[in-house]
């Protein structure tokens, strides 16, 4: 059963990361759209659906399946896992920040620039790289 849980965990992580990489790109383009325009309203729908239909469920599954594997494999004592866990907490915080951004755009209250969203778009990528290295290499 553990291998099935791991497979679905990896699927959930891929889905979560796909959304976390795409959502800030939508924010970049949404910044260009005039408030109240048809384009802006379309971005609002896209952002909400991506968040609620893919990113949120994928994060929940990632956490549930991951916590089961930690318990079943007794990984919680491993140094690599503790660092990975901290990075996943940061990723979850970024997820929460993106949720707030979706709300801000939905209410036409975005105050951030395209440049900001281009930069913040790199944070999930960097976290993902370190998390994958920790899981595969288990350096400590």
N, C-alpha and C. Protein backbone atom coordinates (compact mmCIF):
# COMPACT_ATOMS: atom_id res chain seq x y z
N UNK A 1 0.82 -1.20 0.00
CA UNK A 1 0.00 0.00 0.00
C UNK A 1 0.86 1.27 0.00
N UNK A 2 2.02 1.21 0.64
CA UNK A 2 2.90 2.37 0.74
C UNK A 2 3.29 2.90 -0.64
N UNK A 3 3.59 2.00 -1.57
CA UNK A 3 3.99 2.42 -2.91
C UNK A 3 2.85 3.13 -3.65
N UNK A 4 1.62 2.68 -3.44
CA UNK A 4 0.45 3.36 -4.04
C UNK A 4 0.29 4.76 -3.45
N UNK A 5 0.45 4.85 -2.14
CA UNK A 5 0.36 6.15 -1.48
C UNK A 5 1.44 7.08 -2.03
N UNK A 6 2.65 6.56 -2.19
CA UNK A 6 3.74 7.36 -2.72
C UNK A 6 3.45 7.83 -4.15
N UNK A 7 2.91 6.94 -4.97
CA UNK A 7 2.58 7.30 -6.36
C UNK A 7 1.55 8.43 -6.38
N UNK A 8 0.50 8.32 -5.59
CA UNK A 8 -0.53 9.37 -5.56
C UNK A 8 0.01 10.66 -4.93
N UNK A 9 0.95 10.52 -3.99
CA UNK A 9 1.60 11.70 -3.42
C UNK A 9 2.37 12.45 -4.51
N UNK A 10 3.13 11.73 -5.32
CA UNK A 10 3.90 12.36 -6.39
C UNK A 10 2.96 13.02 -7.40
N UNK A 11 1.87 12.38 -7.74
CA UNK A 11 0.88 12.97 -8.65
C UNK A 11 0.32 14.26 -8.07
N UNK A 12 0.01 14.24 -6.78
CA UNK A 12 -0.53 15.43 -6.10
C UNK A 12 0.51 16.56 -6.08
N UNK A 13 1.76 16.22 -5.82
CA UNK A 13 2.83 17.22 -5.79
C UNK A 13 2.99 17.85 -7.18
N UNK A 14 2.98 17.03 -8.21
CA UNK A 14 3.12 17.55 -9.58
C UNK A 14 1.96 18.51 -9.88
N UNK A 15 0.76 18.14 -9.51
CA UNK A 15 -0.40 19.00 -9.75
C UNK A 15 -0.30 20.30 -8.96
N UNK A 16 0.11 20.20 -7.71
CA UNK A 16 0.26 21.39 -6.87
C UNK A 16 1.30 22.32 -7.48
N UNK A 17 2.45 21.76 -7.86
CA UNK A 17 3.52 22.58 -8.39
C UNK A 17 3.14 23.19 -9.74
N UNK A 18 2.43 22.46 -10.57
CA UNK A 18 2.00 23.02 -11.86
C UNK A 18 1.16 24.27 -11.62
N UNK A 19 0.25 24.19 -10.68
CA UNK A 19 -0.58 25.35 -10.35
C UNK A 19 0.21 26.47 -9.72
N UNK A 20 1.14 26.13 -8.84
CA UNK A 20 1.94 27.14 -8.16
C UNK A 20 2.88 27.87 -9.13
N UNK A 21 3.23 27.21 -10.23
CA UNK A 21 4.07 27.85 -11.22
C UNK A 21 3.26 28.66 -12.22
N UNK A 22 2.03 28.24 -12.46
CA UNK A 22 1.19 28.92 -13.46
C UNK A 22 0.45 30.13 -12.89
N UNK A 23 -0.02 30.04 -11.66
CA UNK A 23 -0.82 31.11 -11.07
C UNK A 23 -0.11 32.47 -11.07
N UNK A 24 1.14 32.56 -10.63
CA UNK A 24 1.78 33.88 -10.68
C UNK A 24 1.99 34.40 -12.10
N UNK A 25 2.08 33.51 -13.08
CA UNK A 25 2.15 33.95 -14.48
C UNK A 25 0.83 34.62 -14.87
N UNK A 26 -0.27 34.05 -14.40
CA UNK A 26 -1.56 34.70 -14.65
C UNK A 26 -1.60 36.08 -14.01
N UNK A 27 -1.02 36.20 -12.81
CA UNK A 27 -0.98 37.50 -12.15
C UNK A 27 -0.20 38.52 -12.99
N UNK A 28 0.90 38.08 -13.60
CA UNK A 28 1.70 38.98 -14.45
C UNK A 28 0.83 39.55 -15.55
N UNK A 29 0.09 38.68 -16.23
CA UNK A 29 -0.76 39.13 -17.33
C UNK A 29 -1.97 39.92 -16.84
N UNK A 30 -2.47 39.53 -15.66
CA UNK A 30 -3.63 40.23 -15.10
C UNK A 30 -3.27 41.68 -14.78
N UNK A 31 -2.03 41.92 -14.38
CA UNK A 31 -1.59 43.29 -14.09
C UNK A 31 -1.74 44.20 -15.30
N UNK A 32 -1.60 43.64 -16.49
CA UNK A 32 -1.70 44.42 -17.72
C UNK A 32 -3.15 44.78 -18.07
N UNK A 33 -4.09 43.99 -17.57
CA UNK A 33 -5.50 44.19 -17.93
C UNK A 33 -6.09 45.37 -17.17
N UNK A 34 -6.88 46.15 -17.86
CA UNK A 34 -7.54 47.29 -17.25
C UNK A 34 -8.63 46.79 -16.29
N UNK A 35 -8.70 47.40 -15.10
CA UNK A 35 -9.70 47.02 -14.09
C UNK A 35 -11.09 47.14 -14.71
N UNK A 36 -11.88 46.08 -14.53
CA UNK A 36 -13.25 46.08 -15.03
C UNK A 36 -13.39 45.61 -16.47
N UNK A 37 -12.26 45.43 -17.16
CA UNK A 37 -12.31 45.00 -18.56
C UNK A 37 -12.70 43.53 -18.64
N UNK A 38 -13.11 43.14 -19.82
CA UNK A 38 -13.47 41.73 -20.05
C UNK A 38 -12.27 40.82 -19.78
N UNK A 39 -11.08 41.29 -20.20
CA UNK A 39 -9.86 40.52 -19.98
C UNK A 39 -9.60 40.34 -18.48
N UNK A 40 -9.76 41.39 -17.70
CA UNK A 40 -9.55 41.30 -16.26
C UNK A 40 -10.53 40.32 -15.63
N UNK A 41 -11.77 40.38 -16.05
CA UNK A 41 -12.78 39.47 -15.50
C UNK A 41 -12.48 38.02 -15.88
N UNK A 42 -11.94 37.80 -17.08
CA UNK A 42 -11.55 36.45 -17.50
C UNK A 42 -10.41 35.93 -16.64
N UNK A 43 -9.42 36.78 -16.37
CA UNK A 43 -8.32 36.38 -15.50
C UNK A 43 -8.83 36.02 -14.11
N UNK A 44 -9.79 36.76 -13.60
CA UNK A 44 -10.35 36.46 -12.27
C UNK A 44 -10.93 35.05 -12.24
N UNK A 45 -11.67 34.68 -13.28
CA UNK A 45 -12.26 33.34 -13.36
C UNK A 45 -11.16 32.29 -13.45
N UNK A 46 -10.18 32.53 -14.30
CA UNK A 46 -9.08 31.57 -14.47
C UNK A 46 -8.33 31.36 -13.16
N UNK A 47 -8.02 32.44 -12.47
CA UNK A 47 -7.27 32.35 -11.21
C UNK A 47 -8.07 31.61 -10.15
N UNK A 48 -9.35 31.94 -10.03
CA UNK A 48 -10.19 31.29 -9.03
C UNK A 48 -10.32 29.79 -9.31
N UNK A 49 -10.57 29.43 -10.56
CA UNK A 49 -10.74 28.01 -10.91
C UNK A 49 -9.44 27.23 -10.72
N UNK A 50 -8.32 27.82 -11.09
CA UNK A 50 -7.03 27.15 -10.90
C UNK A 50 -6.78 26.92 -9.42
N UNK A 51 -7.03 27.93 -8.61
CA UNK A 51 -6.80 27.81 -7.17
C UNK A 51 -7.73 26.79 -6.53
N UNK A 52 -9.02 26.94 -6.77
CA UNK A 52 -10.00 26.08 -6.08
C UNK A 52 -10.13 24.69 -6.71
N UNK A 53 -9.89 24.58 -8.01
CA UNK A 53 -10.09 23.31 -8.69
C UNK A 53 -8.86 22.43 -8.76
N UNK A 54 -7.67 23.04 -8.68
CA UNK A 54 -6.44 22.25 -8.82
C UNK A 54 -5.49 22.45 -7.64
N UNK A 55 -5.11 23.70 -7.41
CA UNK A 55 -4.04 23.95 -6.43
C UNK A 55 -4.45 23.55 -5.02
N UNK A 56 -5.61 24.01 -4.56
CA UNK A 56 -6.03 23.66 -3.19
C UNK A 56 -6.20 22.16 -2.98
N UNK A 57 -6.96 21.46 -3.85
CA UNK A 57 -7.09 20.00 -3.64
C UNK A 57 -5.74 19.27 -3.72
N UNK A 58 -4.87 19.71 -4.64
CA UNK A 58 -3.57 19.05 -4.78
C UNK A 58 -2.72 19.26 -3.53
N UNK A 59 -2.77 20.46 -2.94
CA UNK A 59 -2.00 20.71 -1.73
C UNK A 59 -2.53 19.84 -0.57
N UNK A 60 -3.83 19.76 -0.45
CA UNK A 60 -4.42 18.95 0.62
C UNK A 60 -4.00 17.49 0.48
N UNK A 61 -4.10 16.96 -0.74
CA UNK A 61 -3.68 15.56 -0.96
C UNK A 61 -2.19 15.38 -0.71
N UNK A 62 -1.39 16.34 -1.16
CA UNK A 62 0.05 16.27 -0.92
C UNK A 62 0.33 16.15 0.57
N UNK A 63 -0.30 17.00 1.36
CA UNK A 63 -0.09 16.97 2.81
C UNK A 63 -0.58 15.67 3.44
N UNK A 64 -1.80 15.26 3.11
CA UNK A 64 -2.35 14.05 3.73
C UNK A 64 -1.54 12.81 3.40
N UNK A 65 -1.23 12.63 2.13
CA UNK A 65 -0.46 11.46 1.72
C UNK A 65 0.97 11.53 2.24
N UNK A 66 1.54 12.74 2.22
CA UNK A 66 2.89 12.91 2.74
C UNK A 66 2.99 12.62 4.22
N UNK A 67 2.02 13.09 4.99
CA UNK A 67 2.03 12.82 6.43
C UNK A 67 1.88 11.33 6.71
N UNK A 68 1.06 10.65 5.91
CA UNK A 68 0.95 9.19 6.08
C UNK A 68 2.30 8.53 5.83
N UNK A 69 2.99 8.92 4.76
CA UNK A 69 4.28 8.30 4.44
C UNK A 69 5.32 8.59 5.52
N UNK A 70 5.30 9.79 6.07
CA UNK A 70 6.23 10.13 7.16
C UNK A 70 5.99 9.22 8.35
N UNK A 71 4.74 9.03 8.68
CA UNK A 71 4.39 8.17 9.82
C UNK A 71 4.74 6.71 9.51
N UNK A 72 4.31 6.21 8.35
CA UNK A 72 4.53 4.81 7.99
C UNK A 72 6.02 4.49 7.83
N UNK A 73 6.78 5.42 7.26
CA UNK A 73 8.20 5.17 7.03
C UNK A 73 9.09 5.66 8.16
N UNK A 74 8.49 6.26 9.17
CA UNK A 74 9.20 6.83 10.31
C UNK A 74 10.33 7.76 9.86
N UNK A 75 10.01 8.61 8.89
CA UNK A 75 10.98 9.56 8.33
C UNK A 75 11.17 10.78 9.22
N UNK A 76 10.28 11.01 10.18
CA UNK A 76 10.31 12.25 10.96
C UNK A 76 11.59 12.47 11.74
N UNK A 77 12.39 11.44 11.96
CA UNK A 77 13.65 11.59 12.68
C UNK A 77 14.83 11.91 11.77
N UNK A 78 14.66 11.74 10.47
CA UNK A 78 15.75 11.95 9.52
C UNK A 78 16.01 13.45 9.32
N UNK A 79 17.26 13.82 9.30
CA UNK A 79 17.63 15.22 9.12
C UNK A 79 17.15 15.79 7.79
N UNK A 80 17.31 15.01 6.71
CA UNK A 80 16.88 15.49 5.40
C UNK A 80 15.38 15.78 5.41
N UNK A 81 14.61 14.92 6.12
CA UNK A 81 13.16 15.12 6.14
C UNK A 81 12.79 16.39 6.91
N UNK A 82 13.48 16.67 7.99
CA UNK A 82 13.16 17.86 8.78
C UNK A 82 13.39 19.14 7.97
N UNK A 83 14.45 19.17 7.17
CA UNK A 83 14.69 20.32 6.30
C UNK A 83 13.62 20.38 5.21
N UNK A 84 13.31 19.22 4.64
CA UNK A 84 12.27 19.16 3.61
C UNK A 84 10.94 19.65 4.17
N UNK A 85 10.61 19.24 5.37
CA UNK A 85 9.36 19.65 6.01
C UNK A 85 9.30 21.17 6.16
N UNK A 86 10.42 21.76 6.56
CA UNK A 86 10.47 23.23 6.70
C UNK A 86 10.23 23.89 5.34
N UNK A 87 10.82 23.34 4.29
CA UNK A 87 10.63 23.91 2.95
C UNK A 87 9.19 23.74 2.47
N UNK A 88 8.56 22.62 2.81
CA UNK A 88 7.16 22.42 2.43
C UNK A 88 6.26 23.38 3.21
N UNK A 89 6.60 23.68 4.44
CA UNK A 89 5.86 24.70 5.20
C UNK A 89 5.98 26.07 4.52
N UNK A 90 7.18 26.39 4.05
CA UNK A 90 7.36 27.66 3.33
C UNK A 90 6.54 27.65 2.04
N UNK A 91 6.56 26.52 1.32
CA UNK A 91 5.76 26.41 0.09
C UNK A 91 4.28 26.61 0.40
N UNK A 92 3.82 26.06 1.51
CA UNK A 92 2.42 26.23 1.92
C UNK A 92 2.12 27.69 2.25
N UNK A 93 3.11 28.38 2.84
CA UNK A 93 2.96 29.81 3.09
C UNK A 93 2.85 30.61 1.80
N UNK A 94 3.64 30.25 0.81
CA UNK A 94 3.56 30.90 -0.51
C UNK A 94 2.19 30.63 -1.11
N UNK A 95 1.70 29.42 -0.95
CA UNK A 95 0.35 29.06 -1.41
C UNK A 95 -0.68 29.99 -0.77
N UNK A 96 -0.56 30.19 0.52
CA UNK A 96 -1.47 31.11 1.22
C UNK A 96 -1.36 32.53 0.70
N UNK A 97 -0.14 32.96 0.42
CA UNK A 97 0.06 34.29 -0.14
C UNK A 97 -0.61 34.40 -1.51
N UNK A 98 -0.46 33.37 -2.36
CA UNK A 98 -1.11 33.38 -3.67
C UNK A 98 -2.63 33.41 -3.53
N UNK A 99 -3.15 32.75 -2.51
CA UNK A 99 -4.59 32.77 -2.26
C UNK A 99 -5.04 34.21 -1.97
N UNK A 100 -4.26 34.91 -1.17
CA UNK A 100 -4.58 36.31 -0.88
C UNK A 100 -4.50 37.16 -2.14
N UNK A 101 -3.53 36.89 -2.99
CA UNK A 101 -3.40 37.63 -4.25
C UNK A 101 -4.62 37.41 -5.14
N UNK A 102 -5.11 36.17 -5.20
CA UNK A 102 -6.31 35.88 -5.98
C UNK A 102 -7.47 36.72 -5.44
N UNK A 103 -7.59 36.78 -4.13
CA UNK A 103 -8.65 37.59 -3.51
C UNK A 103 -8.48 39.07 -3.83
N UNK A 104 -7.24 39.55 -3.78
CA UNK A 104 -6.99 40.97 -4.10
C UNK A 104 -7.37 41.28 -5.54
N UNK A 105 -6.96 40.43 -6.47
CA UNK A 105 -7.33 40.65 -7.87
C UNK A 105 -8.85 40.58 -8.05
N UNK A 106 -9.49 39.63 -7.38
CA UNK A 106 -10.95 39.47 -7.50
C UNK A 106 -11.68 40.73 -7.05
N UNK A 107 -11.11 41.42 -6.08
CA UNK A 107 -11.71 42.64 -5.54
C UNK A 107 -11.10 43.91 -6.14
N UNK A 108 -10.33 43.75 -7.22
CA UNK A 108 -9.67 44.88 -7.89
C UNK A 108 -8.81 45.70 -6.94
N UNK A 109 -8.09 44.99 -6.06
CA UNK A 109 -7.25 45.67 -5.08
C UNK A 109 -5.77 45.29 -5.18
N UNK A 110 -5.36 44.76 -6.31
CA UNK A 110 -3.95 44.41 -6.46
C UNK A 110 -3.10 45.68 -6.45
N UNK A 111 -2.03 45.66 -5.66
CA UNK A 111 -1.12 46.82 -5.59
C UNK A 111 0.29 46.45 -6.04
N UNK A 112 0.47 45.22 -6.47
CA UNK A 112 1.82 44.77 -6.84
C UNK A 112 2.03 44.85 -8.36
N UNK A 113 3.29 44.93 -8.74
CA UNK A 113 3.64 45.10 -10.15
C UNK A 113 3.87 43.75 -10.84
N UNK A 114 3.95 43.82 -12.16
CA UNK A 114 4.31 42.63 -12.94
C UNK A 114 5.68 42.11 -12.51
N UNK A 115 6.61 43.03 -12.28
CA UNK A 115 7.95 42.63 -11.88
C UNK A 115 7.93 41.82 -10.59
N UNK A 116 7.11 42.25 -9.63
CA UNK A 116 6.99 41.52 -8.37
C UNK A 116 6.54 40.08 -8.64
N UNK A 117 5.51 39.92 -9.46
CA UNK A 117 4.98 38.58 -9.73
C UNK A 117 5.96 37.74 -10.55
N UNK A 118 6.75 38.37 -11.40
CA UNK A 118 7.78 37.63 -12.15
C UNK A 118 8.83 37.08 -11.19
N UNK A 119 9.17 37.86 -10.18
CA UNK A 119 10.18 37.43 -9.21
C UNK A 119 9.61 36.36 -8.28
N UNK A 120 8.42 36.60 -7.74
CA UNK A 120 7.81 35.64 -6.80
C UNK A 120 7.51 34.31 -7.49
N UNK A 121 7.37 34.34 -8.82
CA UNK A 121 7.13 33.12 -9.58
C UNK A 121 8.29 32.14 -9.46
N UNK A 122 9.48 32.64 -9.16
CA UNK A 122 10.67 31.79 -9.06
C UNK A 122 10.77 31.07 -7.72
N UNK A 123 10.10 31.58 -6.70
CA UNK A 123 10.22 31.01 -5.35
C UNK A 123 9.75 29.55 -5.31
N UNK A 124 8.55 29.20 -5.84
CA UNK A 124 8.16 27.79 -5.82
C UNK A 124 9.13 26.89 -6.58
N UNK A 125 9.72 27.40 -7.65
CA UNK A 125 10.68 26.61 -8.43
C UNK A 125 11.91 26.29 -7.60
N UNK A 126 12.44 27.30 -6.93
CA UNK A 126 13.64 27.10 -6.10
C UNK A 126 13.34 26.14 -4.96
N UNK A 127 12.20 26.33 -4.29
CA UNK A 127 11.83 25.42 -3.20
C UNK A 127 11.69 23.98 -3.72
N UNK A 128 11.03 23.83 -4.88
CA UNK A 128 10.83 22.50 -5.45
C UNK A 128 12.17 21.82 -5.72
N UNK A 129 13.13 22.54 -6.26
CA UNK A 129 14.44 21.96 -6.56
C UNK A 129 15.08 21.41 -5.29
N UNK A 130 15.09 22.21 -4.23
CA UNK A 130 15.70 21.75 -2.98
C UNK A 130 14.93 20.58 -2.37
N UNK A 131 13.61 20.63 -2.44
CA UNK A 131 12.80 19.53 -1.88
C UNK A 131 13.08 18.23 -2.62
N UNK A 132 13.10 18.28 -3.93
CA UNK A 132 13.36 17.06 -4.72
C UNK A 132 14.75 16.51 -4.41
N UNK A 133 15.73 17.38 -4.34
CA UNK A 133 17.10 16.91 -4.02
C UNK A 133 17.13 16.24 -2.66
N UNK A 134 16.48 16.84 -1.68
CA UNK A 134 16.45 16.25 -0.33
C UNK A 134 15.79 14.87 -0.34
N UNK A 135 14.69 14.73 -1.07
CA UNK A 135 13.96 13.45 -1.09
C UNK A 135 14.74 12.37 -1.83
N UNK A 136 15.35 12.72 -2.94
CA UNK A 136 16.03 11.72 -3.76
C UNK A 136 17.43 11.40 -3.21
N UNK A 137 18.21 12.42 -2.88
CA UNK A 137 19.59 12.22 -2.47
C UNK A 137 19.69 11.88 -0.98
N UNK A 138 18.80 12.43 -0.16
CA UNK A 138 18.85 12.26 1.30
C UNK A 138 20.28 12.51 1.81
N UNK A 139 20.77 13.74 1.63
CA UNK A 139 22.16 14.03 1.91
C UNK A 139 22.58 13.92 3.38
N UNK A 140 21.63 13.94 4.29
CA UNK A 140 21.96 13.82 5.72
C UNK A 140 20.79 13.25 6.46
